[in-house]
Amino acid sequence: STMYADSVKGRFTISGDNAKNRVY
């Protein structure tokens, strides 16, 4: 599950890749 600041909701998306040790 994800949470966002109100100012960015609907525009920003957080995601991650454990295989690459990376978050976007």
mmCIF file of all heavy atoms, coordinates in Angstrom:
data_MODEL
# 
_entry.id   MODEL 
# 
loop_
_atom_site.group_PDB 
_atom_site.id 
_atom_site.type_symbol 
_atom_site.label_atom_id 
_atom_site.label_alt_id 
_atom_site.label_comp_id 
_atom_site.label_asym_id 
_atom_site.label_entity_id 
_atom_site.label_seq_id 
_atom_site.pdbx_PDB_ins_code 
_atom_site.Cartn_x 
_atom_site.Cartn_y 
_atom_site.Cartn_z 
_atom_site.occupancy 
_atom_site.B_iso_or_equiv 
_atom_site.pdbx_formal_charge 
_atom_site.auth_seq_id 
_atom_site.auth_comp_id 
_atom_site.auth_asym_id 
_atom_site.auth_atom_id 
_atom_site.pdbx_PDB_model_num 
ATOM 1   N N   . SER A 1 1  ? 0.852  -1.189 0.000   1.00 0.00 ? 1  SER A N   1 
ATOM 2   C CA  . SER A 1 1  ? 0.000  0.000  0.000   1.00 0.00 ? 1  SER A CA  1 
ATOM 3   C C   . SER A 1 1  ? 0.886  1.236  0.000   1.00 0.00 ? 1  SER A C   1 
ATOM 4   O O   . SER A 1 1  ? 2.031  1.202  0.444   1.00 0.00 ? 1  SER A O   1 
ATOM 5   C CB  . SER A 1 1  ? -0.899 0.008  1.233   1.00 0.00 ? 1  SER A CB  1 
ATOM 6   O OG  . SER A 1 1  ? -1.790 -1.065 1.207   1.00 0.00 ? 1  SER A OG  1 
ATOM 7   N N   . THR A 1 2  ? 0.343  2.317  -0.496  1.00 0.00 ? 2  THR A N   1 
ATOM 8   C CA  . THR A 1 2  ? 1.119  3.542  -0.612  1.00 0.00 ? 2  THR A CA  1 
ATOM 9   C C   . THR A 1 2  ? 0.371  4.727  -0.018  1.00 0.00 ? 2  THR A C   1 
ATOM 10  O O   . THR A 1 2  ? -0.852 4.692  0.117   1.00 0.00 ? 2  THR A O   1 
ATOM 11  C CB  . THR A 1 2  ? 1.425  3.857  -2.086  1.00 0.00 ? 2  THR A CB  1 
ATOM 12  O OG1 . THR A 1 2  ? 0.197  3.874  -2.824  1.00 0.00 ? 2  THR A OG1 1 
ATOM 13  C CG2 . THR A 1 2  ? 2.349  2.804  -2.689  1.00 0.00 ? 2  THR A CG2 1 
ATOM 14  N N   . MET A 1 3  ? 1.129  5.735  0.372   1.00 0.00 ? 3  MET A N   1 
ATOM 15  C CA  . MET A 1 3  ? 0.521  6.991  0.804   1.00 0.00 ? 3  MET A CA  1 
ATOM 16  C C   . MET A 1 3  ? 1.279  8.144  0.158   1.00 0.00 ? 3  MET A C   1 
ATOM 17  O O   . MET A 1 3  ? 2.488  8.022  -0.110  1.00 0.00 ? 3  MET A O   1 
ATOM 18  C CB  . MET A 1 3  ? 0.494  7.131  2.316   1.00 0.00 ? 3  MET A CB  1 
ATOM 19  C CG  . MET A 1 3  ? 1.823  7.403  2.998   1.00 0.00 ? 3  MET A CG  1 
ATOM 20  S SD  . MET A 1 3  ? 2.401  9.135  2.921   1.00 0.00 ? 3  MET A SD  1 
ATOM 21  C CE  . MET A 1 3  ? 1.205  9.939  3.927   1.00 0.00 ? 3  MET A CE  1 
ATOM 22  N N   . TYR A 1 4  ? 0.563  9.226  -0.097  1.00 0.00 ? 4  TYR A N   1 
ATOM 23  C CA  . TYR A 1 4  ? 1.138  10.379 -0.764  1.00 0.00 ? 4  TYR A CA  1 
ATOM 24  C C   . TYR A 1 4  ? 0.705  11.652 -0.051  1.00 0.00 ? 4  TYR A C   1 
ATOM 25  O O   . TYR A 1 4  ? -0.367 11.723 0.538   1.00 0.00 ? 4  TYR A O   1 
ATOM 26  C CB  . TYR A 1 4  ? 0.658  10.457 -2.220  1.00 0.00 ? 4  TYR A CB  1 
ATOM 27  C CG  . TYR A 1 4  ? 1.041  9.256  -3.045  1.00 0.00 ? 4  TYR A CG  1 
ATOM 28  C CD1 . TYR A 1 4  ? 0.200  8.162  -3.165  1.00 0.00 ? 4  TYR A CD1 1 
ATOM 29  C CD2 . TYR A 1 4  ? 2.271  9.217  -3.703  1.00 0.00 ? 4  TYR A CD2 1 
ATOM 30  C CE1 . TYR A 1 4  ? 0.567  7.058  -3.901  1.00 0.00 ? 4  TYR A CE1 1 
ATOM 31  C CE2 . TYR A 1 4  ? 2.640  8.125  -4.448  1.00 0.00 ? 4  TYR A CE2 1 
ATOM 32  C CZ  . TYR A 1 4  ? 1.787  7.039  -4.547  1.00 0.00 ? 4  TYR A CZ  1 
ATOM 33  O OH  . TYR A 1 4  ? 2.152  5.945  -5.282  1.00 0.00 ? 4  TYR A OH  1 
ATOM 34  N N   . ALA A 1 5  ? 1.572  12.649 -0.157  1.00 0.00 ? 5  ALA A N   1 
ATOM 35  C CA  . ALA A 1 5  ? 1.171  13.971 0.303   1.00 0.00 ? 5  ALA A CA  1 
ATOM 36  C C   . ALA A 1 5  ? -0.019 14.437 -0.531  1.00 0.00 ? 5  ALA A C   1 
ATOM 37  O O   . ALA A 1 5  ? -0.113 14.112 -1.720  1.00 0.00 ? 5  ALA A O   1 
ATOM 38  C CB  . ALA A 1 5  ? 2.331  14.944 0.155   1.00 0.00 ? 5  ALA A CB  1 
ATOM 39  N N   . ASP A 1 6  ? -0.929 15.174 0.075   1.00 0.00 ? 6  ASP A N   1 
ATOM 40  C CA  . ASP A 1 6  ? -2.116 15.641 -0.642  1.00 0.00 ? 6  ASP A CA  1 
ATOM 41  C C   . ASP A 1 6  ? -1.745 16.422 -1.901  1.00 0.00 ? 6  ASP A C   1 
ATOM 42  O O   . ASP A 1 6  ? -2.439 16.341 -2.913  1.00 0.00 ? 6  ASP A O   1 
ATOM 43  C CB  . ASP A 1 6  ? -2.962 16.528 0.278   1.00 0.00 ? 6  ASP A CB  1 
ATOM 44  C CG  . ASP A 1 6  ? -3.682 15.739 1.349   1.00 0.00 ? 6  ASP A CG  1 
ATOM 45  O OD1 . ASP A 1 6  ? -3.790 14.494 1.216   1.00 0.00 ? 6  ASP A OD1 1 
ATOM 46  O OD2 . ASP A 1 6  ? -4.126 16.345 2.334   1.00 0.00 ? 6  ASP A OD2 1 
ATOM 47  N N   . SER A 1 7  ? -0.646 17.136 -1.841  1.00 0.00 ? 7  SER A N   1 
ATOM 48  C CA  . SER A 1 7  ? -0.252 17.997 -2.945  1.00 0.00 ? 7  SER A CA  1 
ATOM 49  C C   . SER A 1 7  ? 0.188  17.223 -4.190  1.00 0.00 ? 7  SER A C   1 
ATOM 50  O O   . SER A 1 7  ? 0.264  17.807 -5.280  1.00 0.00 ? 7  SER A O   1 
ATOM 51  C CB  . SER A 1 7  ? 0.876  18.936 -2.509  1.00 0.00 ? 7  SER A CB  1 
ATOM 52  O OG  . SER A 1 7  ? 1.968  18.194 -2.001  1.00 0.00 ? 7  SER A OG  1 
ATOM 53  N N   . VAL A 1 8  ? 0.473  15.925 -4.037  1.00 0.00 ? 8  VAL A N   1 
ATOM 54  C CA  . VAL A 1 8  ? 0.959  15.145 -5.189  1.00 0.00 ? 8  VAL A CA  1 
ATOM 55  C C   . VAL A 1 8  ? 0.040  13.979 -5.546  1.00 0.00 ? 8  VAL A C   1 
ATOM 56  O O   . VAL A 1 8  ? 0.303  13.268 -6.520  1.00 0.00 ? 8  VAL A O   1 
ATOM 57  C CB  . VAL A 1 8  ? 2.394  14.616 -4.954  1.00 0.00 ? 8  VAL A CB  1 
ATOM 58  C CG1 . VAL A 1 8  ? 3.323  15.754 -4.547  1.00 0.00 ? 8  VAL A CG1 1 
ATOM 59  C CG2 . VAL A 1 8  ? 2.420  13.504 -3.923  1.00 0.00 ? 8  VAL A CG2 1 
ATOM 60  N N   . LYS A 1 9  ? -1.008 13.777 -4.777  1.00 0.00 ? 9  LYS A N   1 
ATOM 61  C CA  . LYS A 1 9  ? -1.913 12.655 -5.044  1.00 0.00 ? 9  LYS A CA  1 
ATOM 62  C C   . LYS A 1 9  ? -2.467 12.721 -6.459  1.00 0.00 ? 9  LYS A C   1 
ATOM 63  O O   . LYS A 1 9  ? -2.882 13.782 -6.921  1.00 0.00 ? 9  LYS A O   1 
ATOM 64  C CB  . LYS A 1 9  ? -3.075 12.670 -4.045  1.00 0.00 ? 9  LYS A CB  1 
ATOM 65  C CG  . LYS A 1 9  ? -2.758 12.042 -2.714  1.00 0.00 ? 9  LYS A CG  1 
ATOM 66  C CD  . LYS A 1 9  ? -3.971 12.087 -1.786  1.00 0.00 ? 9  LYS A CD  1 
ATOM 67  C CE  . LYS A 1 9  ? -3.629 11.541 -0.414  1.00 0.00 ? 9  LYS A CE  1 
ATOM 68  N NZ  . LYS A 1 9  ? -4.753 11.671 0.536   1.00 0.00 ? 9  LYS A NZ  1 
ATOM 69  N N   . GLY A 1 10 ? -2.464 11.559 -7.114  1.00 0.00 ? 10 GLY A N   1 
ATOM 70  C CA  . GLY A 1 10 ? -2.976 11.487 -8.476  1.00 0.00 ? 10 GLY A CA  1 
ATOM 71  C C   . GLY A 1 10 ? -1.951 11.866 -9.529  1.00 0.00 ? 10 GLY A C   1 
ATOM 72  O O   . GLY A 1 10 ? -2.186 11.672 -10.720 1.00 0.00 ? 10 GLY A O   1 
ATOM 73  N N   . ARG A 1 11 ? -0.807 12.406 -9.101  1.00 0.00 ? 11 ARG A N   1 
ATOM 74  C CA  . ARG A 1 11 ? 0.232  12.808 -10.058 1.00 0.00 ? 11 ARG A CA  1 
ATOM 75  C C   . ARG A 1 11 ? 1.529  12.022 -9.881  1.00 0.00 ? 11 ARG A C   1 
ATOM 76  O O   . ARG A 1 11 ? 2.245  11.791 -10.850 1.00 0.00 ? 11 ARG A O   1 
ATOM 77  C CB  . ARG A 1 11 ? 0.528  14.310 -9.904  1.00 0.00 ? 11 ARG A CB  1 
ATOM 78  C CG  . ARG A 1 11 ? -0.671 15.197 -10.135 1.00 0.00 ? 11 ARG A CG  1 
ATOM 79  C CD  . ARG A 1 11 ? -0.276 16.676 -10.134 1.00 0.00 ? 11 ARG A CD  1 
ATOM 80  N NE  . ARG A 1 11 ? 0.262  17.125 -8.869  1.00 0.00 ? 11 ARG A NE  1 
ATOM 81  C CZ  . ARG A 1 11 ? 1.485  17.633 -8.717  1.00 0.00 ? 11 ARG A CZ  1 
ATOM 82  N NH1 . ARG A 1 11 ? 2.286  17.757 -9.764  1.00 0.00 ? 11 ARG A NH1 1 
ATOM 83  N NH2 . ARG A 1 11 ? 1.911  18.032 -7.523  1.00 0.00 ? 11 ARG A NH2 1 
ATOM 84  N N   . PHE A 1 12 ? 1.833  11.636 -8.658  1.00 0.00 ? 12 PHE A N   1 
ATOM 85  C CA  . PHE A 1 12 ? 3.073  10.925 -8.361  1.00 0.00 ? 12 PHE A CA  1 
ATOM 86  C C   . PHE A 1 12 ? 2.767  9.465  -8.026  1.00 0.00 ? 12 PHE A C   1 
ATOM 87  O O   . PHE A 1 12 ? 1.730  9.165  -7.421  1.00 0.00 ? 12 PHE A O   1 
ATOM 88  C CB  . PHE A 1 12 ? 3.790  11.545 -7.161  1.00 0.00 ? 12 PHE A CB  1 
ATOM 89  C CG  . PHE A 1 12 ? 4.411  12.900 -7.408  1.00 0.00 ? 12 PHE A CG  1 
ATOM 90  C CD1 . PHE A 1 12 ? 4.107  13.657 -8.523  1.00 0.00 ? 12 PHE A CD1 1 
ATOM 91  C CD2 . PHE A 1 12 ? 5.325  13.412 -6.489  1.00 0.00 ? 12 PHE A CD2 1 
ATOM 92  C CE1 . PHE A 1 12 ? 4.678  14.893 -8.735  1.00 0.00 ? 12 PHE A CE1 1 
ATOM 93  C CE2 . PHE A 1 12 ? 5.906  14.656 -6.690  1.00 0.00 ? 12 PHE A CE2 1 
ATOM 94  C CZ  . PHE A 1 12 ? 5.568  15.398 -7.815  1.00 0.00 ? 12 PHE A CZ  1 
ATOM 95  N N   . THR A 1 13 ? 3.705  8.584  -8.377  1.00 0.00 ? 13 THR A N   1 
ATOM 96  C CA  . THR A 1 13 ? 3.561  7.162  -8.066  1.00 0.00 ? 13 THR A CA  1 
ATOM 97  C C   . THR A 1 13 ? 4.896  6.615  -7.575  1.00 0.00 ? 13 THR A C   1 
ATOM 98  O O   . THR A 1 13 ? 5.912  6.770  -8.252  1.00 0.00 ? 13 THR A O   1 
ATOM 99  C CB  . THR A 1 13 ? 3.109  6.367  -9.298  1.00 0.00 ? 13 THR A CB  1 
ATOM 100 O OG1 . THR A 1 13 ? 1.886  6.904  -9.794  1.00 0.00 ? 13 THR A OG1 1 
ATOM 101 C CG2 . THR A 1 13 ? 2.900  4.900  -8.939  1.00 0.00 ? 13 THR A CG2 1 
ATOM 102 N N   . ILE A 1 14 ? 4.865  5.984  -6.421  1.00 0.00 ? 14 ILE A N   1 
ATOM 103 C CA  . ILE A 1 14 ? 6.063  5.338  -5.886  1.00 0.00 ? 14 ILE A CA  1 
ATOM 104 C C   . ILE A 1 14 ? 6.010  3.854  -6.222  1.00 0.00 ? 14 ILE A C   1 
ATOM 105 O O   . ILE A 1 14 ? 4.950  3.232  -6.177  1.00 0.00 ? 14 ILE A O   1 
ATOM 106 C CB  . ILE A 1 14 ? 6.172  5.565  -4.356  1.00 0.00 ? 14 ILE A CB  1 
ATOM 107 C CG1 . ILE A 1 14 ? 7.506  5.045  -3.815  1.00 0.00 ? 14 ILE A CG1 1 
ATOM 108 C CG2 . ILE A 1 14 ? 4.998  4.939  -3.607  1.00 0.00 ? 14 ILE A CG2 1 
ATOM 109 C CD1 . ILE A 1 14 ? 7.768  5.407  -2.356  1.00 0.00 ? 14 ILE A CD1 1 
ATOM 110 N N   . SER A 1 15 ? 7.165  3.309  -6.593  1.00 0.00 ? 15 SER A N   1 
ATOM 111 C CA  . SER A 1 15 ? 7.246  1.877  -6.896  1.00 0.00 ? 15 SER A CA  1 
ATOM 112 C C   . SER A 1 15 ? 8.637  1.398  -6.545  1.00 0.00 ? 15 SER A C   1 
ATOM 113 O O   . SER A 1 15 ? 9.544  2.198  -6.322  1.00 0.00 ? 15 SER A O   1 
ATOM 114 C CB  . SER A 1 15 ? 6.929  1.603  -8.370  1.00 0.00 ? 15 SER A CB  1 
ATOM 115 O OG  . SER A 1 15 ? 7.881  2.239  -9.208  1.00 0.00 ? 15 SER A OG  1 
ATOM 116 N N   . GLY A 1 16 ? 8.795  0.081  -6.505  1.00 0.00 ? 16 GLY A N   1 
ATOM 117 C CA  . GLY A 1 16 ? 10.085 -0.448 -6.107  1.00 0.00 ? 16 GLY A CA  1 
ATOM 118 C C   . GLY A 1 16 ? 10.434 -1.725 -6.828  1.00 0.00 ? 16 GLY A C   1 
ATOM 119 O O   . GLY A 1 16 ? 9.564  -2.400 -7.389  1.00 0.00 ? 16 GLY A O   1 
ATOM 120 N N   . ASP A 1 17 ? 11.713 -2.040 -6.802  1.00 0.00 ? 17 ASP A N   1 
ATOM 121 C CA  . ASP A 1 17 ? 12.238 -3.238 -7.442  1.00 0.00 ? 17 ASP A CA  1 
ATOM 122 C C   . ASP A 1 17 ? 13.270 -3.845 -6.506  1.00 0.00 ? 17 ASP A C   1 
ATOM 123 O O   . ASP A 1 17 ? 14.400 -3.359 -6.436  1.00 0.00 ? 17 ASP A O   1 
ATOM 124 C CB  . ASP A 1 17 ? 12.853 -2.874 -8.794  1.00 0.00 ? 17 ASP A CB  1 
ATOM 125 C CG  . ASP A 1 17 ? 13.282 -4.088 -9.590  1.00 0.00 ? 17 ASP A CG  1 
ATOM 126 O OD1 . ASP A 1 17 ? 13.525 -5.154 -8.981  1.00 0.00 ? 17 ASP A OD1 1 
ATOM 127 O OD2 . ASP A 1 17 ? 13.396 -3.972 -10.814 1.00 0.00 ? 17 ASP A OD2 1 
ATOM 128 N N   . ASN A 1 18 ? 12.881 -4.889 -5.786  1.00 0.00 ? 18 ASN A N   1 
ATOM 129 C CA  . ASN A 1 18 ? 13.813 -5.508 -4.840  1.00 0.00 ? 18 ASN A CA  1 
ATOM 130 C C   . ASN A 1 18 ? 15.010 -6.126 -5.539  1.00 0.00 ? 18 ASN A C   1 
ATOM 131 O O   . ASN A 1 18 ? 16.113 -6.137 -4.990  1.00 0.00 ? 18 ASN A O   1 
ATOM 132 C CB  . ASN A 1 18 ? 13.100 -6.567 -4.004  1.00 0.00 ? 18 ASN A CB  1 
ATOM 133 C CG  . ASN A 1 18 ? 12.315 -5.964 -2.857  1.00 0.00 ? 18 ASN A CG  1 
ATOM 134 O OD1 . ASN A 1 18 ? 12.587 -4.848 -2.410  1.00 0.00 ? 18 ASN A OD1 1 
ATOM 135 N ND2 . ASN A 1 18 ? 11.333 -6.696 -2.361  1.00 0.00 ? 18 ASN A ND2 1 
ATOM 136 N N   . ALA A 1 19 ? 14.829 -6.633 -6.741  1.00 0.00 ? 19 ALA A N   1 
ATOM 137 C CA  . ALA A 1 19 ? 15.934 -7.265 -7.456  1.00 0.00 ? 19 ALA A CA  1 
ATOM 138 C C   . ALA A 1 19 ? 17.042 -6.267 -7.785  1.00 0.00 ? 19 ALA A C   1 
ATOM 139 O O   . ALA A 1 19 ? 18.215 -6.619 -7.867  1.00 0.00 ? 19 ALA A O   1 
ATOM 140 C CB  . ALA A 1 19 ? 15.418 -7.914 -8.734  1.00 0.00 ? 19 ALA A CB  1 
ATOM 141 N N   . LYS A 1 20 ? 16.659 -4.994 -7.953  1.00 0.00 ? 20 LYS A N   1 
ATOM 142 C CA  . LYS A 1 20 ? 17.634 -3.958 -8.301  1.00 0.00 ? 20 LYS A CA  1 
ATOM 143 C C   . LYS A 1 20 ? 17.977 -3.061 -7.120  1.00 0.00 ? 20 LYS A C   1 
ATOM 144 O O   . LYS A 1 20 ? 18.751 -2.115 -7.265  1.00 0.00 ? 20 LYS A O   1 
ATOM 145 C CB  . LYS A 1 20 ? 17.102 -3.099 -9.454  1.00 0.00 ? 20 LYS A CB  1 
ATOM 146 C CG  . LYS A 1 20 ? 16.925 -3.857 -10.755 1.00 0.00 ? 20 LYS A CG  1 
ATOM 147 C CD  . LYS A 1 20 ? 16.438 -2.929 -11.859 1.00 0.00 ? 20 LYS A CD  1 
ATOM 148 C CE  . LYS A 1 20 ? 16.319 -3.684 -13.171 1.00 0.00 ? 20 LYS A CE  1 
ATOM 149 N NZ  . LYS A 1 20 ? 15.829 -2.807 -14.268 1.00 0.00 ? 20 LYS A NZ  1 
ATOM 150 N N   . ASN A 1 21 ? 17.389 -3.336 -5.955  1.00 0.00 ? 21 ASN A N   1 
ATOM 151 C CA  . ASN A 1 21 ? 17.598 -2.473 -4.778  1.00 0.00 ? 21 ASN A CA  1 
ATOM 152 C C   . ASN A 1 21 ? 17.269 -1.018 -5.108  1.00 0.00 ? 21 ASN A C   1 
ATOM 153 O O   . ASN A 1 21 ? 18.006 -0.089 -4.751  1.00 0.00 ? 21 ASN A O   1 
ATOM 154 C CB  . ASN A 1 21 ? 19.046 -2.557 -4.270  1.00 0.00 ? 21 ASN A CB  1 
ATOM 155 C CG  . ASN A 1 21 ? 19.309 -3.836 -3.509  1.00 0.00 ? 21 ASN A CG  1 
ATOM 156 O OD1 . ASN A 1 21 ? 18.471 -4.735 -3.478  1.00 0.00 ? 21 ASN A OD1 1 
ATOM 157 N ND2 . ASN A 1 21 ? 20.461 -3.925 -2.897  1.00 0.00 ? 21 ASN A ND2 1 
ATOM 158 N N   . ARG A 1 22 ? 16.151 -0.826 -5.745  1.00 0.00 ? 22 ARG A N   1 
ATOM 159 C CA  . ARG A 1 22 ? 15.845 0.504  -6.256  1.00 0.00 ? 22 ARG A CA  1 
ATOM 160 C C   . ARG A 1 22 ? 14.376 0.862  -5.995  1.00 0.00 ? 22 ARG A C   1 
ATOM 161 O O   . ARG A 1 22 ? 13.500 -0.003 -6.084  1.00 0.00 ? 22 ARG A O   1 
ATOM 162 C CB  . ARG A 1 22 ? 16.154 0.552  -7.746  1.00 0.00 ? 22 ARG A CB  1 
ATOM 163 C CG  . ARG A 1 22 ? 16.382 1.928  -8.328  1.00 0.00 ? 22 ARG A CG  1 
ATOM 164 C CD  . ARG A 1 22 ? 16.798 1.800  -9.774  1.00 0.00 ? 22 ARG A CD  1 
ATOM 165 N NE  . ARG A 1 22 ? 18.128 1.212  -9.906  1.00 0.00 ? 22 ARG A NE  1 
ATOM 166 C CZ  . ARG A 1 22 ? 18.648 0.819  -11.060 1.00 0.00 ? 22 ARG A CZ  1 
ATOM 167 N NH1 . ARG A 1 22 ? 17.937 0.932  -12.173 1.00 0.00 ? 22 ARG A NH1 1 
ATOM 168 N NH2 . ARG A 1 22 ? 19.858 0.308  -11.112 1.00 0.00 ? 22 ARG A NH2 1 
ATOM 169 N N   . VAL A 1 23 ? 14.148 2.119  -5.715  1.00 0.00 ? 23 VAL A N   1 
ATOM 170 C CA  . VAL A 1 23 ? 12.796 2.646  -5.582  1.00 0.00 ? 23 VAL A CA  1 
ATOM 171 C C   . VAL A 1 23 ? 12.662 3.836  -6.519  1.00 0.00 ? 23 VAL A C   1 
ATOM 172 O O   . VAL A 1 23 ? 13.602 4.629  -6.668  1.00 0.00 ? 23 VAL A O   1 
ATOM 173 C CB  . VAL A 1 23 ? 12.490 3.056  -4.134  1.00 0.00 ? 23 VAL A CB  1 
ATOM 174 C CG1 . VAL A 1 23 ? 11.166 3.791  -4.028  1.00 0.00 ? 23 VAL A CG1 1 
ATOM 175 C CG2 . VAL A 1 23 ? 12.449 1.822  -3.248  1.00 0.00 ? 23 VAL A CG2 1 
ATOM 176 N N   . TYR A 1 24 ? 11.491 3.959  -7.128  1.00 0.00 ? 24 TYR A N   1 
ATOM 177 C CA  . TYR A 1 24 ? 11.252 5.002  -8.112  1.00 0.00 ? 24 TYR A CA  1 
ATOM 178 C C   . TYR A 1 24 ? 10.165 5.957  -7.628  1.00 0.00 ? 24 TYR A C   1 
ATOM 179 O O   . TYR A 1 24 ? 9.298  5.593  -6.825  1.00 0.00 ? 24 TYR A O   1 
ATOM 180 C CB  . TYR A 1 24 ? 10.812 4.386  -9.434  1.00 0.00 ? 24 TYR A CB  1 
ATOM 181 C CG  . TYR A 1 24 ? 11.772 3.375  -9.983  1.00 0.00 ? 24 TYR A CG  1 
ATOM 182 C CD1 . TYR A 1 24 ? 11.558 2.009  -9.796  1.00 0.00 ? 24 TYR A CD1 1 
ATOM 183 C CD2 . TYR A 1 24 ? 12.905 3.764  -10.696 1.00 0.00 ? 24 TYR A CD2 1 
ATOM 184 C CE1 . TYR A 1 24 ? 12.434 1.073  -10.295 1.00 0.00 ? 24 TYR A CE1 1 
ATOM 185 C CE2 . TYR A 1 24 ? 13.791 2.831  -11.203 1.00 0.00 ? 24 TYR A CE2 1 
ATOM 186 C CZ  . TYR A 1 24 ? 13.560 1.485  -10.999 1.00 0.00 ? 24 TYR A CZ  1 
ATOM 187 O OH  . TYR A 1 24 ? 14.435 0.562  -11.485 1.00 0.00 ? 24 TYR A OH  1 
# 
